[in-house]
């Protein structure tokens, strides 16, 4: 296996995201979708239960996905400048 060294600090955000996509695609091609694996970590299961219970206690604390994506996009845009 040949590994090429990449100085990721020189990549743009778009190039870094493209690299992530390519790595993800190669993992799926070789091993299938990682999302198909069951959640088995007791810590992760406990955290998911904790978050669900917190949401059920106070549904108004949830942030709509559109707002989360808007904030993420704004942050990415600010790093491009």
N, C-alpha and C. Protein backbone atom coordinates (compact mmCIF):
# COMPACT_ATOMS: atom_id res chain seq x y z
N UNK A 1 0.85 -1.16 0.00
CA UNK A 1 0.00 0.00 0.00
C UNK A 1 0.90 1.23 0.00
N UNK A 2 0.65 2.13 -0.93
CA UNK A 2 1.41 3.38 -1.00
C UNK A 2 0.59 4.49 -0.35
N UNK A 3 1.22 5.20 0.55
CA UNK A 3 0.55 6.32 1.20
C UNK A 3 1.28 7.59 0.82
N UNK A 4 0.52 8.54 0.32
CA UNK A 4 1.08 9.83 -0.04
C UNK A 4 0.88 10.78 1.12
N UNK A 5 1.91 11.51 1.46
CA UNK A 5 1.80 12.49 2.54
C UNK A 5 1.18 13.76 1.97
N UNK A 6 0.16 14.25 2.67
CA UNK A 6 -0.53 15.46 2.25
C UNK A 6 -0.46 16.46 3.39
N UNK A 7 -0.04 17.67 3.09
CA UNK A 7 -0.05 18.73 4.09
C UNK A 7 -1.45 19.34 4.07
N UNK A 8 -2.32 18.80 4.95
CA UNK A 8 -3.72 19.24 4.92
C UNK A 8 -3.89 20.70 5.32
N UNK A 9 -2.90 21.28 5.98
CA UNK A 9 -3.02 22.69 6.35
C UNK A 9 -3.01 23.59 5.12
N UNK A 10 -2.55 23.07 3.99
CA UNK A 10 -2.51 23.86 2.76
C UNK A 10 -3.78 23.70 1.92
N UNK A 11 -4.65 22.78 2.32
CA UNK A 11 -5.88 22.54 1.56
C UNK A 11 -6.95 23.54 1.93
N UNK A 12 -7.78 23.87 0.96
CA UNK A 12 -8.94 24.71 1.23
C UNK A 12 -9.99 23.85 1.93
N UNK A 13 -11.00 24.50 2.48
CA UNK A 13 -12.09 23.76 3.12
C UNK A 13 -12.73 22.82 2.10
N UNK A 14 -12.96 23.32 0.89
CA UNK A 14 -13.58 22.49 -0.15
C UNK A 14 -12.71 21.27 -0.47
N UNK A 15 -11.40 21.46 -0.54
CA UNK A 15 -10.50 20.34 -0.81
C UNK A 15 -10.49 19.33 0.33
N UNK A 16 -10.55 19.83 1.57
CA UNK A 16 -10.60 18.93 2.72
C UNK A 16 -11.88 18.12 2.72
N UNK A 17 -13.01 18.77 2.40
CA UNK A 17 -14.28 18.06 2.35
C UNK A 17 -14.27 17.03 1.22
N UNK A 18 -13.65 17.36 0.10
CA UNK A 18 -13.54 16.41 -1.00
C UNK A 18 -12.72 15.19 -0.57
N UNK A 19 -11.64 15.43 0.16
CA UNK A 19 -10.81 14.33 0.65
C UNK A 19 -11.61 13.43 1.60
N UNK A 20 -12.38 14.05 2.49
CA UNK A 20 -13.23 13.27 3.40
C UNK A 20 -14.21 12.42 2.61
N UNK A 21 -14.85 13.02 1.59
CA UNK A 21 -15.79 12.27 0.76
C UNK A 21 -15.12 11.08 0.09
N UNK A 22 -13.93 11.30 -0.43
CA UNK A 22 -13.22 10.20 -1.10
C UNK A 22 -12.86 9.08 -0.13
N UNK A 23 -12.40 9.46 1.06
CA UNK A 23 -12.07 8.45 2.07
C UNK A 23 -13.32 7.67 2.48
N UNK A 24 -14.42 8.39 2.71
CA UNK A 24 -15.67 7.74 3.10
C UNK A 24 -16.13 6.78 2.01
N UNK A 25 -16.08 7.24 0.76
CA UNK A 25 -16.49 6.38 -0.36
C UNK A 25 -15.63 5.12 -0.44
N UNK A 26 -14.32 5.26 -0.18
CA UNK A 26 -13.45 4.09 -0.25
C UNK A 26 -13.76 3.11 0.88
N UNK A 27 -14.11 3.61 2.04
CA UNK A 27 -14.49 2.73 3.16
C UNK A 27 -15.77 1.99 2.81
N UNK A 28 -16.76 2.71 2.27
CA UNK A 28 -18.02 2.06 1.87
C UNK A 28 -17.79 1.01 0.80
N UNK A 29 -16.92 1.32 -0.17
CA UNK A 29 -16.66 0.39 -1.26
C UNK A 29 -16.01 -0.90 -0.75
N UNK A 30 -15.14 -0.77 0.23
CA UNK A 30 -14.42 -1.94 0.75
C UNK A 30 -15.18 -2.70 1.84
N UNK A 31 -15.95 -1.97 2.65
CA UNK A 31 -16.53 -2.60 3.84
C UNK A 31 -18.04 -2.42 3.96
N UNK A 32 -18.66 -1.77 3.03
CA UNK A 32 -20.08 -1.47 3.15
C UNK A 32 -20.27 -0.21 3.98
N UNK A 33 -21.48 0.22 4.10
CA UNK A 33 -21.77 1.45 4.81
C UNK A 33 -21.52 1.30 6.31
N UNK A 34 -20.71 2.20 6.90
CA UNK A 34 -20.51 2.15 8.35
C UNK A 34 -21.81 2.38 9.10
N UNK A 35 -22.79 3.01 8.45
CA UNK A 35 -24.08 3.24 9.11
C UNK A 35 -24.87 1.95 9.29
N UNK A 36 -24.47 0.91 8.58
CA UNK A 36 -25.18 -0.36 8.68
C UNK A 36 -24.81 -1.11 9.96
N UNK A 37 -23.71 -0.69 10.59
CA UNK A 37 -23.26 -1.35 11.81
C UNK A 37 -24.18 -0.97 12.97
N UNK A 38 -24.52 -1.93 13.82
CA UNK A 38 -25.36 -1.60 14.98
C UNK A 38 -24.57 -0.77 16.00
N UNK A 39 -25.29 0.04 16.74
CA UNK A 39 -24.68 0.81 17.81
C UNK A 39 -24.50 -0.13 18.99
N UNK A 40 -23.27 -0.42 19.35
CA UNK A 40 -23.03 -1.39 20.40
C UNK A 40 -22.33 -0.81 21.62
N UNK A 41 -21.76 0.37 21.50
CA UNK A 41 -21.04 0.96 22.61
C UNK A 41 -22.00 1.33 23.74
N UNK A 42 -21.80 0.80 24.93
CA UNK A 42 -22.68 1.15 26.05
C UNK A 42 -22.65 2.65 26.36
N UNK A 43 -21.48 3.26 26.18
CA UNK A 43 -21.36 4.69 26.43
C UNK A 43 -22.20 5.49 25.44
N UNK A 44 -22.16 5.09 24.17
CA UNK A 44 -22.93 5.80 23.15
C UNK A 44 -24.42 5.60 23.38
N UNK A 45 -24.82 4.40 23.70
CA UNK A 45 -26.23 4.13 23.97
C UNK A 45 -26.71 4.96 25.16
N UNK A 46 -25.91 5.03 26.22
CA UNK A 46 -26.26 5.83 27.39
C UNK A 46 -26.39 7.31 27.03
N UNK A 47 -25.47 7.81 26.21
CA UNK A 47 -25.52 9.22 25.80
C UNK A 47 -26.75 9.50 24.95
N UNK A 48 -27.08 8.61 24.04
CA UNK A 48 -28.27 8.79 23.20
C UNK A 48 -29.54 8.78 24.05
N UNK A 49 -29.59 7.89 25.03
CA UNK A 49 -30.75 7.85 25.95
C UNK A 49 -30.84 9.14 26.75
N UNK A 50 -29.69 9.64 27.25
CA UNK A 50 -29.67 10.87 28.02
C UNK A 50 -30.20 12.03 27.19
N UNK A 51 -29.74 12.12 25.93
CA UNK A 51 -30.18 13.21 25.06
C UNK A 51 -31.67 13.11 24.75
N UNK A 52 -32.16 11.90 24.52
CA UNK A 52 -33.58 11.72 24.23
C UNK A 52 -34.42 12.13 25.45
N UNK A 53 -34.00 11.70 26.63
CA UNK A 53 -34.73 12.06 27.85
C UNK A 53 -34.72 13.57 28.07
N UNK A 54 -33.60 14.22 27.80
CA UNK A 54 -33.52 15.68 27.95
C UNK A 54 -34.47 16.36 26.97
N UNK A 55 -34.52 15.84 25.77
CA UNK A 55 -35.43 16.40 24.76
C UNK A 55 -36.89 16.19 25.16
N UNK A 56 -37.20 15.02 25.68
CA UNK A 56 -38.58 14.74 26.08
C UNK A 56 -39.01 15.62 27.26
N UNK A 57 -38.05 15.96 28.15
CA UNK A 57 -38.36 16.86 29.27
C UNK A 57 -38.60 18.29 28.79
N UNK A 58 -37.86 18.72 27.74
CA UNK A 58 -37.97 20.10 27.25
C UNK A 58 -37.81 20.13 25.73
N UNK A 59 -38.87 19.76 24.99
CA UNK A 59 -38.78 19.75 23.52
C UNK A 59 -38.44 21.12 22.92
N UNK A 60 -38.77 22.20 23.63
CA UNK A 60 -38.49 23.53 23.09
C UNK A 60 -37.00 23.85 23.05
N UNK A 61 -36.18 23.04 23.72
CA UNK A 61 -34.74 23.28 23.71
C UNK A 61 -34.07 22.79 22.41
N UNK A 62 -34.82 22.06 21.61
CA UNK A 62 -34.26 21.53 20.37
C UNK A 62 -34.00 22.67 19.38
N UNK A 63 -32.95 22.52 18.60
CA UNK A 63 -32.61 23.49 17.56
C UNK A 63 -32.99 22.88 16.22
N UNK A 64 -33.81 23.58 15.43
CA UNK A 64 -34.19 23.04 14.12
C UNK A 64 -32.96 22.80 13.24
N UNK A 65 -33.00 21.74 12.45
CA UNK A 65 -31.88 21.38 11.59
C UNK A 65 -31.49 22.54 10.67
N UNK A 66 -32.49 23.26 10.16
CA UNK A 66 -32.20 24.37 9.25
C UNK A 66 -31.31 25.41 9.92
N UNK A 67 -31.56 25.67 11.21
CA UNK A 67 -30.74 26.65 11.95
C UNK A 67 -29.32 26.13 12.15
N UNK A 68 -29.21 24.85 12.47
CA UNK A 68 -27.88 24.24 12.66
C UNK A 68 -27.08 24.34 11.36
N UNK A 69 -27.71 23.98 10.24
CA UNK A 69 -27.01 24.04 8.94
C UNK A 69 -26.65 25.47 8.57
N UNK A 70 -27.54 26.42 8.87
CA UNK A 70 -27.28 27.83 8.58
C UNK A 70 -26.05 28.30 9.36
N UNK A 71 -25.98 27.95 10.64
CA UNK A 71 -24.85 28.34 11.47
C UNK A 71 -23.55 27.68 10.99
N UNK A 72 -23.63 26.41 10.63
CA UNK A 72 -22.44 25.72 10.13
C UNK A 72 -21.95 26.35 8.84
N UNK A 73 -22.88 26.63 7.94
CA UNK A 73 -22.48 27.26 6.67
C UNK A 73 -21.88 28.63 6.90
N UNK A 74 -22.43 29.40 7.83
CA UNK A 74 -21.88 30.72 8.14
C UNK A 74 -20.46 30.59 8.70
N UNK A 75 -20.26 29.59 9.55
CA UNK A 75 -18.92 29.37 10.11
C UNK A 75 -17.93 28.97 9.02
N UNK A 76 -18.34 28.09 8.13
CA UNK A 76 -17.47 27.68 7.03
C UNK A 76 -17.14 28.88 6.16
N UNK A 77 -18.15 29.70 5.85
CA UNK A 77 -17.93 30.89 5.03
C UNK A 77 -16.95 31.86 5.70
N UNK A 78 -17.05 32.00 7.02
CA UNK A 78 -16.15 32.93 7.72
C UNK A 78 -14.70 32.45 7.68
N UNK A 79 -14.50 31.12 7.61
CA UNK A 79 -13.14 30.58 7.53
C UNK A 79 -12.56 30.68 6.13
N UNK A 80 -13.41 30.84 5.14
CA UNK A 80 -12.93 30.97 3.75
C UNK A 80 -12.36 32.35 3.49
N UNK A 81 -12.74 33.32 4.30
CA UNK A 81 -12.29 34.72 4.06
C UNK A 81 -10.91 34.96 4.55
